[in-house]
Structures are given as structure tokens and as C-alpha cells.
Amino acid sequence: MPSSQRNPVTAYRRRLKRRGVVRVEVHVRKGDAALVRGVAQALSDPAREAEARAMLRERFGANKGKGFKALLAAAPLEGIDLTRERDLGRDVAL
């Protein structure tokens, strides 16, 4: 990129960084591109951002950071018999 174009681009990126905006690149199917753009627009619109964030966090952010143990603890286990007979293995002649 020529230096005459580099300075305005650098300044623009610096301004975005000061505002707390980051660039994100995602790869989606062609049919989902409009949906992802709509989500990005909703998150950047001051009138809709709180509702959009709440909805996305409720649907996708709840399981973030949970491990396998927490997943098992949250599983609905009512009506499932989890007991099993004690198996001591088989007799082996040495």
C-alpha cells in the first residue's frame, strides 16, 4: 500500500480503537451473510444494542466457560437410574 494511503488508514484504525471498536472477520455461508450483517447492525445501533446483546447472551453466552463437570451437574437426570452392579472383574488363574 502506498504511503499516501497508509496514513489515513492508520489514523482511521486508531480512531476506531479509541472508540473501542475492533474489526472482526468471519466466514459464513452465503445465505447467512445477511443474517450476520443484521446482527452486527443491531449491536452497533444504540436503540437496539441492549436488547440484541441480552438476547445473544441468553442464547449463546450461557454455556461459555463451563466445563464438563458443570454440564453434567446442570443435566436433567430425573427418572434416570444411575446405579449399576459392582463388577469385580473376572477370575484369572496365575
N, C-alpha and C. Protein backbone atom coordinates (compact mmCIF):
# COMPACT_ATOMS: atom_id res chain seq x y z
N MET A 1 0.86 -1.18 0.00
CA MET A 1 0.00 0.00 0.00
C MET A 1 0.90 1.23 0.00
N PRO A 2 0.65 2.18 -0.89
CA PRO A 2 1.47 3.40 -0.93
C PRO A 2 1.36 4.18 0.38
N SER A 3 2.43 4.91 0.70
CA SER A 3 2.45 5.65 1.97
C SER A 3 1.38 6.74 2.00
N SER A 4 0.95 7.23 0.84
CA SER A 4 -0.09 8.26 0.82
C SER A 4 -1.44 7.70 1.29
N GLN A 5 -1.64 6.41 1.13
CA GLN A 5 -2.88 5.79 1.59
C GLN A 5 -2.73 5.21 2.99
N ARG A 6 -1.53 4.88 3.40
CA ARG A 6 -1.30 4.23 4.68
C ARG A 6 -1.65 5.14 5.85
N ASN A 7 -1.28 6.41 5.79
CA ASN A 7 -1.53 7.32 6.90
C ASN A 7 -3.01 7.51 7.20
N PRO A 8 -3.88 7.74 6.21
CA PRO A 8 -5.31 7.87 6.53
C PRO A 8 -5.90 6.57 7.09
N VAL A 9 -5.46 5.43 6.56
CA VAL A 9 -5.97 4.15 7.07
C VAL A 9 -5.51 3.94 8.50
N THR A 10 -4.27 4.25 8.80
CA THR A 10 -3.75 4.12 10.16
C THR A 10 -4.49 5.05 11.12
N ALA A 11 -4.75 6.26 10.68
CA ALA A 11 -5.47 7.21 11.52
C ALA A 11 -6.90 6.74 11.77
N TYR A 12 -7.54 6.21 10.74
CA TYR A 12 -8.91 5.70 10.88
C TYR A 12 -8.95 4.53 11.87
N ARG A 13 -8.02 3.61 11.73
CA ARG A 13 -7.98 2.47 12.66
C ARG A 13 -7.67 2.91 14.08
N ARG A 14 -6.85 3.92 14.24
CA ARG A 14 -6.54 4.45 15.57
C ARG A 14 -7.79 5.07 16.20
N ARG A 15 -8.57 5.81 15.39
CA ARG A 15 -9.82 6.41 15.91
C ARG A 15 -10.81 5.32 16.34
N LEU A 16 -10.92 4.28 15.54
CA LEU A 16 -11.81 3.18 15.90
C LEU A 16 -11.37 2.51 17.20
N LYS A 17 -10.07 2.33 17.35
CA LYS A 17 -9.53 1.70 18.55
C LYS A 17 -9.83 2.54 19.78
N ARG A 18 -9.73 3.86 19.68
CA ARG A 18 -10.06 4.75 20.80
C ARG A 18 -11.52 4.65 21.19
N ARG A 19 -12.38 4.39 20.20
CA ARG A 19 -13.82 4.25 20.47
C ARG A 19 -14.17 2.87 20.98
N GLY A 20 -13.19 1.96 21.02
CA GLY A 20 -13.43 0.61 21.50
C GLY A 20 -14.00 -0.32 20.44
N VAL A 21 -13.82 0.02 19.18
CA VAL A 21 -14.32 -0.79 18.07
C VAL A 21 -13.18 -1.65 17.54
N VAL A 22 -13.48 -2.92 17.32
CA VAL A 22 -12.48 -3.82 16.74
C VAL A 22 -13.04 -4.41 15.46
N ARG A 23 -12.14 -4.79 14.59
CA ARG A 23 -12.53 -5.40 13.32
C ARG A 23 -12.58 -6.91 13.52
N VAL A 24 -13.66 -7.52 13.05
CA VAL A 24 -13.85 -8.95 13.17
C VAL A 24 -14.17 -9.51 11.79
N GLU A 25 -13.45 -10.54 11.41
CA GLU A 25 -13.72 -11.19 10.13
C GLU A 25 -14.24 -12.58 10.41
N VAL A 26 -15.37 -12.92 9.80
CA VAL A 26 -15.95 -14.25 9.97
C VAL A 26 -16.22 -14.86 8.61
N HIS A 27 -16.24 -16.15 8.57
CA HIS A 27 -16.56 -16.88 7.35
C HIS A 27 -17.88 -17.60 7.59
N VAL A 28 -18.88 -17.27 6.79
CA VAL A 28 -20.20 -17.88 6.90
C VAL A 28 -20.68 -18.29 5.52
N ARG A 29 -21.72 -19.10 5.51
CA ARG A 29 -22.31 -19.47 4.23
C ARG A 29 -22.94 -18.25 3.60
N LYS A 30 -23.07 -18.31 2.30
CA LYS A 30 -23.60 -17.18 1.55
C LYS A 30 -25.00 -16.78 2.03
N GLY A 31 -25.82 -17.76 2.33
CA GLY A 31 -27.17 -17.48 2.78
C GLY A 31 -27.24 -16.84 4.16
N ASP A 32 -26.19 -17.03 4.98
CA ASP A 32 -26.17 -16.48 6.34
C ASP A 32 -25.52 -15.10 6.41
N ALA A 33 -24.95 -14.63 5.33
CA ALA A 33 -24.23 -13.35 5.34
C ALA A 33 -25.14 -12.20 5.74
N ALA A 34 -26.34 -12.16 5.20
CA ALA A 34 -27.27 -11.08 5.55
C ALA A 34 -27.66 -11.14 7.02
N LEU A 35 -27.80 -12.34 7.54
CA LEU A 35 -28.15 -12.51 8.95
C LEU A 35 -27.03 -11.99 9.85
N VAL A 36 -25.79 -12.33 9.53
CA VAL A 36 -24.66 -11.87 10.34
C VAL A 36 -24.52 -10.35 10.24
N ARG A 37 -24.73 -9.80 9.06
CA ARG A 37 -24.69 -8.34 8.92
C ARG A 37 -25.79 -7.69 9.76
N GLY A 38 -26.97 -8.31 9.78
CA GLY A 38 -28.07 -7.78 10.59
C GLY A 38 -27.75 -7.80 12.07
N VAL A 39 -27.11 -8.85 12.53
CA VAL A 39 -26.70 -8.92 13.94
C VAL A 39 -25.69 -7.84 14.25
N ALA A 40 -24.72 -7.65 13.36
CA ALA A 40 -23.71 -6.60 13.56
C ALA A 40 -24.35 -5.21 13.59
N GLN A 41 -25.32 -4.98 12.72
CA GLN A 41 -26.01 -3.69 12.71
C GLN A 41 -26.82 -3.49 13.99
N ALA A 42 -27.47 -4.54 14.46
CA ALA A 42 -28.25 -4.42 15.70
C ALA A 42 -27.34 -4.13 16.89
N LEU A 43 -26.15 -4.72 16.91
CA LEU A 43 -25.23 -4.47 18.02
C LEU A 43 -24.62 -3.07 17.96
N SER A 44 -24.56 -2.47 16.79
CA SER A 44 -23.98 -1.13 16.69
C SER A 44 -25.03 -0.03 16.76
N ASP A 45 -26.30 -0.37 16.71
CA ASP A 45 -27.39 0.61 16.79
C ASP A 45 -27.72 0.89 18.26
N PRO A 46 -27.56 2.13 18.73
CA PRO A 46 -27.81 2.44 20.14
C PRO A 46 -29.23 2.10 20.60
N ALA A 47 -30.20 2.14 19.71
CA ALA A 47 -31.58 1.86 20.10
C ALA A 47 -31.83 0.36 20.31
N ARG A 48 -31.05 -0.48 19.63
CA ARG A 48 -31.30 -1.92 19.70
C ARG A 48 -30.18 -2.71 20.36
N GLU A 49 -29.08 -2.07 20.71
CA GLU A 49 -27.92 -2.83 21.17
C GLU A 49 -28.16 -3.58 22.48
N ALA A 50 -28.83 -2.99 23.44
CA ALA A 50 -29.05 -3.67 24.73
C ALA A 50 -29.91 -4.91 24.56
N GLU A 51 -30.97 -4.78 23.79
CA GLU A 51 -31.86 -5.93 23.56
C GLU A 51 -31.15 -7.03 22.78
N ALA A 52 -30.39 -6.64 21.76
CA ALA A 52 -29.67 -7.62 20.95
C ALA A 52 -28.62 -8.35 21.78
N ARG A 53 -27.87 -7.63 22.61
CA ARG A 53 -26.85 -8.26 23.46
C ARG A 53 -27.49 -9.22 24.45
N ALA A 54 -28.60 -8.79 25.07
CA ALA A 54 -29.27 -9.64 26.05
C ALA A 54 -29.75 -10.93 25.39
N MET A 55 -30.33 -10.81 24.21
CA MET A 55 -30.84 -11.98 23.52
C MET A 55 -29.70 -12.92 23.12
N LEU A 56 -28.61 -12.37 22.61
CA LEU A 56 -27.48 -13.20 22.20
C LEU A 56 -26.80 -13.86 23.39
N ARG A 57 -26.65 -13.12 24.48
CA ARG A 57 -26.03 -13.70 25.68
C ARG A 57 -26.91 -14.79 26.28
N GLU A 58 -28.22 -14.58 26.24
CA GLU A 58 -29.13 -15.59 26.77
C GLU A 58 -29.05 -16.87 25.96
N ARG A 59 -28.96 -16.73 24.66
CA ARG A 59 -28.96 -17.91 23.80
C ARG A 59 -27.58 -18.56 23.66
N PHE A 60 -26.53 -17.75 23.52
CA PHE A 60 -25.22 -18.30 23.21
C PHE A 60 -24.18 -18.10 24.30
N GLY A 61 -24.38 -17.19 25.21
CA GLY A 61 -23.36 -16.90 26.21
C GLY A 61 -23.49 -17.67 27.50
N ALA A 62 -24.57 -18.39 27.71
CA ALA A 62 -24.81 -19.06 28.98
C ALA A 62 -23.82 -20.18 29.24
N ASN A 63 -23.42 -20.92 28.24
CA ASN A 63 -22.55 -22.07 28.43
C ASN A 63 -21.07 -21.73 28.29
N LYS A 64 -20.76 -20.49 28.08
CA LYS A 64 -19.38 -20.10 27.89
C LYS A 64 -18.57 -20.32 29.17
N GLY A 65 -17.47 -21.01 29.06
CA GLY A 65 -16.59 -21.21 30.19
C GLY A 65 -16.98 -22.36 31.10
N LYS A 66 -18.08 -23.03 30.85
CA LYS A 66 -18.46 -24.16 31.68
C LYS A 66 -17.72 -25.40 31.22
N GLY A 67 -17.32 -26.17 32.17
CA GLY A 67 -16.62 -27.41 31.84
C GLY A 67 -17.57 -28.58 31.80
N PHE A 68 -17.01 -29.75 31.62
CA PHE A 68 -17.80 -30.97 31.52
C PHE A 68 -18.52 -31.26 32.84
N LYS A 69 -17.87 -30.99 33.95
CA LYS A 69 -18.47 -31.23 35.26
C LYS A 69 -19.70 -30.35 35.46
N ALA A 70 -19.61 -29.09 35.09
CA ALA A 70 -20.76 -28.19 35.22
C ALA A 70 -21.88 -28.60 34.28
N LEU A 71 -21.53 -29.08 33.11
CA LEU A 71 -22.53 -29.54 32.15
C LEU A 71 -23.29 -30.74 32.71
N LEU A 72 -22.58 -31.67 33.31
CA LEU A 72 -23.23 -32.83 33.92
C LEU A 72 -24.10 -32.43 35.11
N ALA A 73 -23.63 -31.47 35.90
CA ALA A 73 -24.40 -31.02 37.07
C ALA A 73 -25.69 -30.34 36.65
N ALA A 74 -25.70 -29.70 35.49
CA ALA A 74 -26.89 -28.99 35.02
C ALA A 74 -27.83 -29.89 34.23
N ALA A 75 -27.42 -31.12 33.95
CA ALA A 75 -28.24 -32.01 33.12
C ALA A 75 -29.47 -32.48 33.89
N PRO A 76 -30.61 -32.57 33.22
CA PRO A 76 -31.83 -33.08 33.88
C PRO A 76 -31.75 -34.60 34.01
N LEU A 77 -31.54 -35.09 35.22
CA LEU A 77 -31.35 -36.52 35.44
C LEU A 77 -32.53 -37.18 36.15
N GLU A 78 -33.65 -36.49 36.30
CA GLU A 78 -34.79 -37.10 36.98
C GLU A 78 -35.31 -38.27 36.18
N GLY A 79 -35.60 -39.36 36.85
CA GLY A 79 -36.16 -40.52 36.20
C GLY A 79 -35.13 -41.43 35.55
N ILE A 80 -33.87 -41.12 35.68
CA ILE A 80 -32.82 -41.94 35.07
C ILE A 80 -32.13 -42.72 36.19
N ASP A 81 -32.08 -44.03 36.06
CA ASP A 81 -31.44 -44.88 37.06
C ASP A 81 -29.94 -44.91 36.78
N LEU A 82 -29.16 -44.35 37.69
CA LEU A 82 -27.72 -44.26 37.50
C LEU A 82 -26.95 -45.30 38.31
N THR A 83 -27.65 -46.21 38.98
CA THR A 83 -26.97 -47.23 39.77
C THR A 83 -26.59 -48.40 38.87
N ARG A 84 -25.51 -49.07 39.24
CA ARG A 84 -25.10 -50.25 38.50
C ARG A 84 -24.50 -51.25 39.48
N GLU A 85 -24.51 -52.50 39.07
CA GLU A 85 -23.97 -53.55 39.91
C GLU A 85 -22.45 -53.43 39.97
N ARG A 86 -21.92 -53.80 41.10
CA ARG A 86 -20.46 -53.76 41.29
C ARG A 86 -19.83 -54.89 40.50
N ASP A 87 -18.90 -54.58 39.64
CA ASP A 87 -18.22 -55.57 38.82
C ASP A 87 -16.80 -55.70 39.32
N LEU A 88 -16.46 -56.86 39.83
CA LEU A 88 -15.12 -57.07 40.36
C LEU A 88 -14.18 -57.67 39.33
N GLY A 89 -14.61 -57.75 38.10
CA GLY A 89 -13.76 -58.28 37.05
C GLY A 89 -13.93 -59.78 36.92
N ARG A 90 -13.01 -60.44 36.34
CA ARG A 90 -13.08 -61.88 36.14
C ARG A 90 -11.96 -62.57 36.90
N ASP A 91 -12.18 -63.82 37.19
CA ASP A 91 -11.15 -64.61 37.87
C ASP A 91 -10.06 -64.96 36.88
N VAL A 92 -8.85 -64.77 37.28
CA VAL A 92 -7.70 -65.06 36.44
C VAL A 92 -6.80 -66.04 37.17
N ALA A 93 -6.48 -67.12 36.50
CA ALA A 93 -5.56 -68.10 37.08
C ALA A 93 -4.14 -67.72 36.72
N LEU A 94 -3.34 -67.51 37.77
CA LEU A 94 -1.94 -67.13 37.53
C LEU A 94 -1.04 -68.32 37.63
